[in-house]
Amino acid sequence: MNILLDIIHWFINNVDTLQQVHDNTVDELIRYYELYVAYRQVRETHQEPSPPDQEQVDSSENDVNKNDKA
């Protein structure tokens, strides 16, 4: 029981420090979230669909033709 009272007193004596740590943590989380959202928006707007690689298409067609002949 004595340990529990010590913990409660410590929280009471350090409430300002705990509030600062909480506020700083929340501010950092918000900042990282905003950076993530901005990154996703930039990535989506600058991503262009690429045409299929002609060599990959040709080689896959050749593989299909080889399997049909076998």
Protein backbone atom coordinates (compact mmCIF):
# COMPACT_ATOMS: atom_id res chain seq x y z
CA MET A 1 0.00 0.00 0.00
CA ASN A 2 2.89 2.32 0.76
CA ILE A 3 4.33 1.81 -2.73
CA LEU A 4 0.97 2.73 -4.27
CA LEU A 5 0.87 5.98 -2.30
CA ASP A 6 4.44 6.79 -3.40
CA ILE A 7 3.44 6.27 -7.03
CA ILE A 8 0.38 8.51 -6.64
CA HIS A 9 2.47 11.24 -5.01
CA TRP A 10 5.07 10.97 -7.77
CA PHE A 11 2.34 11.44 -10.41
CA ILE A 12 0.94 14.43 -8.52
CA ASN A 13 4.38 16.03 -8.15
CA ASN A 14 5.28 15.43 -11.80
CA VAL A 15 1.98 16.19 -13.48
CA ASP A 16 3.43 19.20 -15.36
CA THR A 17 6.29 17.14 -16.77
CA LEU A 18 3.94 14.33 -17.73
CA GLN A 19 1.64 16.83 -19.47
CA GLN A 20 4.59 18.24 -21.44
CA VAL A 21 5.70 14.77 -22.50
CA HIS A 22 2.15 13.95 -23.56
CA ASP A 23 1.78 17.17 -25.54
CA ASN A 24 5.14 16.73 -27.26
CA THR A 25 4.32 13.14 -28.16
CA VAL A 26 0.94 14.09 -29.60
CA ASP A 27 2.51 16.97 -31.56
CA GLU A 28 5.11 14.61 -33.04
CA LEU A 29 2.48 12.04 -33.97
CA ILE A 30 0.42 14.72 -35.71
CA ARG A 31 3.49 15.97 -37.55
CA TYR A 32 4.43 12.47 -38.74
CA TYR A 33 0.84 11.81 -39.82
CA GLU A 34 0.76 15.05 -41.83
CA LEU A 35 4.08 14.13 -43.47
CA TYR A 36 2.71 10.68 -44.32
CA VAL A 37 -0.46 12.15 -45.84
CA ALA A 38 1.59 14.63 -47.90
CA TYR A 39 3.89 11.81 -49.06
CA ARG A 40 0.94 9.68 -50.15
CA GLN A 41 -0.62 12.60 -52.06
CA VAL A 42 2.62 13.36 -53.89
CA ARG A 43 3.17 9.70 -54.67
CA GLU A 44 -0.34 9.28 -56.07
CA THR A 45 -0.23 12.43 -58.22
CA HIS A 46 3.22 11.69 -59.69
CA GLN A 47 2.63 8.03 -60.43
CA GLU A 48 1.92 7.38 -64.08
CA PRO A 49 0.80 4.01 -65.35
CA SER A 50 3.69 2.40 -67.16
CA PRO A 51 3.11 0.43 -70.35
CA PRO A 52 3.91 -3.28 -70.12
CA ASP A 53 7.48 -4.13 -70.97
CA GLN A 54 7.54 -5.56 -74.50
CA GLU A 55 10.26 -8.09 -73.68
CA GLN A 56 8.23 -9.48 -70.78
CA VAL A 57 5.16 -9.82 -73.00
CA ASP A 58 7.16 -11.54 -75.76
CA SER A 59 8.88 -13.97 -73.39
CA SER A 60 5.63 -14.92 -71.69
CA GLU A 61 4.03 -15.58 -75.09
CA ASN A 62 7.00 -17.74 -76.05
CA ASP A 63 6.66 -19.72 -72.81
CA VAL A 64 2.97 -20.35 -73.56
CA ASN A 65 3.80 -21.46 -77.12
CA LYS A 66 6.52 -23.84 -75.86
CA ASN A 67 4.12 -25.40 -73.38
CA ASP A 68 1.46 -25.89 -76.09
CA LYS A 69 3.95 -27.72 -78.37
CA ALA A 70 5.12 -30.05 -75.61
